[in-house]
Amino acid sequence: MKWYACLAVALIVASVSLGRLGARLSARSRHVPLPAAVPVQAGDPDIRVQGVRFVEQADAAMALTLSAEAAAWYDAAQFAVVNQVRAQFFPSRAAPLSVEADSGRIASSTGDLNLHGRVRLQHQTGGYTLTTEALYWQASNRTLHTDAPVSMHNATVHITGMGLQGEVEKQRFLLQRDVRASFQLR
C-alpha cells in the first residue's frame, strides 16, 4: 500500500474518532432532524480510500464497527462519504445489531452516520429485520431514527409504518405513525 493511502486511512479514522469524542462531550438527549441525503457532488474529495474498517471502543468493549468498500474524505466540509456500508452496533447489555446500506455519510465532528439506499438492520437473536431507505445514527445518545417508511418483520409478524425512533442500548424501537401489522399464526 502506498504511503498516502495509509495516511488517508489514518486521517479518516482519526477524524471520526475525534468527532466521536466531541459528540460525547456535547448534549446527550437533543433530537437532531434527519440530515439531507448523501451529496451526489460535493466537489473533488481530499482523499479516496478503498476497503475501510473503523472500530469504536467504549470503555473496554467494542461499541461500533463500520466497514465500507470505498470512502471519500471532504476535509473542508468535515465529512466522509462511504459506499457499500456495513456496521455493527454493540449495546452494553444486549445482542448486537447489524446494518448495511448502499451509501452513508459520516460527520467527523459528531460521529453521526447518515445511511441511504436499501438500509437493512438485523437483530440476529430477536430474529427480526428492519428495512427502510434512510436511517440516521446519532452518536451522542446512541439512537437511530428516520422519517422514511419502515418495514419490520420476522417469521410470524410483519409491521410497517412511517418514521422510527430507536434506542440501541435498550433495543427499543418505536414506529411514529401509520402503523399496520399482520401476524401469521402457526
Protein backbone atom coordinates (compact mmCIF):
# COMPACT_ATOMS: atom_id res chain seq x y z
CA MET A 1 0.00 0.00 0.00
CA LYS A 2 1.33 3.44 -0.90
CA TRP A 3 2.23 5.81 1.96
CA TYR A 4 -0.52 8.28 1.07
CA ALA A 5 -3.19 5.55 1.24
CA CYS A 6 -2.02 4.68 4.75
CA LEU A 7 -2.12 8.37 5.63
CA ALA A 8 -5.64 8.68 4.22
CA VAL A 9 -6.91 5.78 6.33
CA ALA A 10 -5.23 7.22 9.42
CA LEU A 11 -6.76 10.67 8.77
CA ILE A 12 -10.27 9.27 8.32
CA VAL A 13 -10.04 7.11 11.45
CA ALA A 14 -8.53 9.96 13.50
CA SER A 15 -11.15 12.46 12.30
CA VAL A 16 -14.05 10.12 13.06
CA SER A 17 -12.55 9.22 16.45
CA LEU A 18 -12.11 12.87 17.40
CA GLY A 19 -15.65 13.57 16.24
CA ARG A 20 -16.96 10.78 18.44
CA LEU A 21 -15.12 12.22 21.45
CA GLY A 22 -16.59 15.65 20.81
CA ALA A 23 -20.06 14.16 20.45
CA ARG A 24 -19.79 12.53 23.86
CA LEU A 25 -18.94 15.87 25.40
CA SER A 26 -21.95 17.58 23.80
CA ALA A 27 -25.58 17.42 24.91
CA ARG A 28 -26.84 13.87 25.24
CA SER A 29 -30.58 13.87 24.53
CA ARG A 30 -31.32 16.50 21.92
CA HIS A 31 -33.21 15.37 18.82
CA VAL A 32 -31.47 16.36 15.62
CA PRO A 33 -33.55 16.40 12.42
CA LEU A 34 -32.63 13.91 9.72
CA PRO A 35 -29.87 15.47 7.59
CA ALA A 36 -30.07 15.88 3.86
CA ALA A 37 -29.29 12.91 1.65
CA VAL A 38 -25.72 11.95 0.88
CA PRO A 39 -24.43 14.55 -1.57
CA VAL A 40 -24.13 13.44 -5.16
CA GLN A 41 -21.46 16.01 -5.95
CA ALA A 42 -19.51 17.84 -3.24
CA GLY A 43 -16.52 18.67 -5.39
CA ASP A 44 -13.45 16.54 -5.51
CA PRO A 45 -12.68 14.72 -2.25
CA ASP A 46 -9.41 15.43 -0.48
CA ILE A 47 -8.78 11.69 0.00
CA ARG A 48 -10.19 8.48 -1.51
CA VAL A 49 -9.71 5.11 0.19
CA GLN A 50 -10.68 1.57 -0.80
CA GLY A 51 -11.55 -1.04 1.85
CA VAL A 52 -12.20 0.96 5.03
CA ARG A 53 -12.72 -0.53 8.53
CA PHE A 54 -13.42 1.59 11.62
CA VAL A 55 -13.72 0.27 15.19
CA GLU A 56 -15.03 2.42 18.04
CA GLN A 57 -14.20 1.44 21.60
CA ALA A 58 -16.42 2.30 24.57
CA ASP A 59 -14.58 1.67 27.81
CA ALA A 60 -13.03 -1.78 27.34
CA ALA A 61 -15.71 -3.08 24.99
CA MET A 62 -16.33 -2.55 21.29
CA ALA A 63 -19.21 -0.11 20.67
CA LEU A 64 -19.33 0.03 16.87
CA THR A 65 -17.59 -1.40 13.84
CA LEU A 66 -18.04 0.03 10.37
CA SER A 67 -16.65 -1.18 7.07
CA ALA A 68 -17.12 0.14 3.55
CA GLU A 69 -15.88 -0.77 0.11
CA ALA A 70 -14.81 2.82 -0.52
CA ALA A 71 -14.66 6.17 1.25
CA ALA A 72 -14.10 9.75 0.14
CA TRP A 73 -12.99 12.38 2.69
CA TYR A 74 -14.03 16.03 2.28
CA ASP A 75 -11.79 17.97 4.67
CA ALA A 76 -13.40 21.42 4.39
CA ALA A 77 -16.90 20.04 4.95
CA GLN A 78 -15.69 17.66 7.72
CA PHE A 79 -17.40 14.52 6.47
CA ALA A 80 -16.68 11.27 4.68
CA VAL A 81 -18.91 9.58 2.13
CA VAL A 82 -18.81 5.78 2.29
CA ASN A 83 -20.15 3.21 -0.19
CA GLN A 84 -21.46 -0.30 0.44
CA VAL A 85 -21.57 0.24 4.19
CA ARG A 86 -21.79 -2.46 6.85
CA ALA A 87 -21.90 -1.60 10.53
CA GLN A 88 -22.45 -3.46 13.75
CA PHE A 89 -23.64 -1.79 16.96
CA PHE A 90 -22.68 -3.45 20.24
CA PRO A 91 -25.05 -2.40 23.04
CA SER A 92 -23.58 -2.83 26.51
CA ARG A 93 -26.26 -5.25 27.75
CA ALA A 94 -27.91 -6.65 24.64
CA ALA A 95 -27.26 -8.59 21.45
CA PRO A 96 -25.51 -6.77 18.57
CA LEU A 97 -27.42 -5.11 15.74
CA SER A 98 -26.12 -5.25 12.17
CA VAL A 99 -26.91 -2.70 9.48
CA GLU A 100 -25.98 -2.39 5.82
CA ALA A 101 -26.74 0.27 3.21
CA ASP A 102 -25.73 1.38 -0.27
CA SER A 103 -24.09 4.58 0.98
CA GLY A 104 -23.53 6.72 4.02
CA ARG A 105 -22.12 9.97 5.28
CA ILE A 106 -20.07 10.25 8.47
CA ALA A 107 -19.81 13.65 10.17
CA SER A 108 -16.33 13.87 11.65
CA SER A 109 -17.31 16.50 14.22
CA THR A 110 -20.04 14.33 15.81
CA GLY A 111 -19.55 10.74 14.62
CA ASP A 112 -23.13 10.76 13.35
CA LEU A 113 -23.86 8.39 10.47
CA ASN A 114 -26.45 9.03 7.76
CA LEU A 115 -27.28 5.86 5.77
CA HIS A 116 -29.15 5.77 2.44
CA GLY A 117 -30.30 3.21 -0.09
CA ARG A 118 -31.60 -0.25 0.78
CA VAL A 119 -30.92 0.14 4.50
CA ARG A 120 -31.32 -3.16 6.33
CA LEU A 121 -30.99 -3.53 10.11
CA GLN A 122 -30.89 -7.04 11.57
CA HIS A 123 -31.16 -8.38 15.09
CA GLN A 124 -29.85 -11.96 14.97
CA THR A 125 -31.03 -13.01 18.45
CA GLY A 126 -34.51 -11.49 18.11
CA GLY A 127 -34.82 -12.73 14.54
CA TYR A 128 -36.21 -9.53 13.09
CA THR A 129 -35.18 -7.40 10.13
CA LEU A 130 -35.97 -3.73 9.64
CA THR A 131 -35.79 -2.14 6.17
CA THR A 132 -36.01 1.49 5.08
CA GLU A 133 -34.43 3.83 2.53
CA ALA A 134 -32.74 6.14 5.06
CA LEU A 135 -31.54 5.74 8.64
CA TYR A 136 -29.70 8.22 10.86
CA TRP A 137 -27.39 7.23 13.75
CA GLN A 138 -26.90 9.94 16.37
CA ALA A 139 -23.69 9.02 18.16
CA SER A 140 -24.06 11.29 21.19
CA ASN A 141 -27.07 9.43 22.55
CA ARG A 142 -26.74 6.17 20.58
CA THR A 143 -30.11 6.46 18.84
CA LEU A 144 -31.37 5.60 15.37
CA HIS A 145 -34.15 7.48 13.59
CA THR A 146 -35.76 8.05 10.23
CA ASP A 147 -38.76 9.86 8.79
CA ALA A 148 -38.94 7.40 5.86
CA PRO A 149 -41.30 4.41 5.50
CA VAL A 150 -40.17 1.43 7.61
CA SER A 151 -40.90 -2.29 7.34
CA MET A 152 -40.11 -4.68 10.19
CA HIS A 153 -40.61 -8.41 10.08
CA ASN A 154 -39.67 -11.80 11.46
CA ALA A 155 -41.05 -15.31 10.82
CA THR A 156 -44.53 -14.51 12.19
CA VAL A 157 -45.01 -10.73 12.23
CA HIS A 158 -44.86 -8.03 9.54
CA ILE A 159 -45.15 -4.38 10.68
CA THR A 160 -45.00 -1.24 8.53
CA GLY A 161 -45.14 2.43 9.40
CA MET A 162 -43.75 5.89 8.78
CA GLY A 163 -40.80 7.11 10.80
CA LEU A 164 -38.84 5.39 13.53
CA GLN A 165 -37.15 6.31 16.80
CA GLY A 166 -34.79 3.68 18.20
CA GLU A 167 -32.71 3.41 21.37
CA VAL A 168 -29.87 0.98 20.62
CA GLU A 169 -28.85 0.42 24.26
CA LYS A 170 -32.40 -0.53 25.27
CA GLN A 171 -33.19 -2.13 21.91
CA ARG A 172 -36.46 -0.22 21.91
CA PHE A 173 -37.86 0.89 18.54
CA LEU A 174 -40.99 2.98 18.07
CA LEU A 175 -42.73 3.44 14.72
CA GLN A 176 -44.05 7.02 14.57
CA ARG A 177 -47.29 6.87 12.55
CA ASP A 178 -49.47 4.95 10.04
CA VAL A 179 -48.56 1.65 11.73
CA ARG A 180 -50.01 -1.57 10.27
CA ALA A 181 -49.29 -5.11 11.43
CA SER A 182 -50.08 -8.58 10.21
CA PHE A 183 -49.47 -11.88 12.01
CA GLN A 184 -49.07 -15.40 10.77
CA LEU A 185 -50.17 -17.96 13.32
CA ARG A 186 -48.52 -21.33 13.18
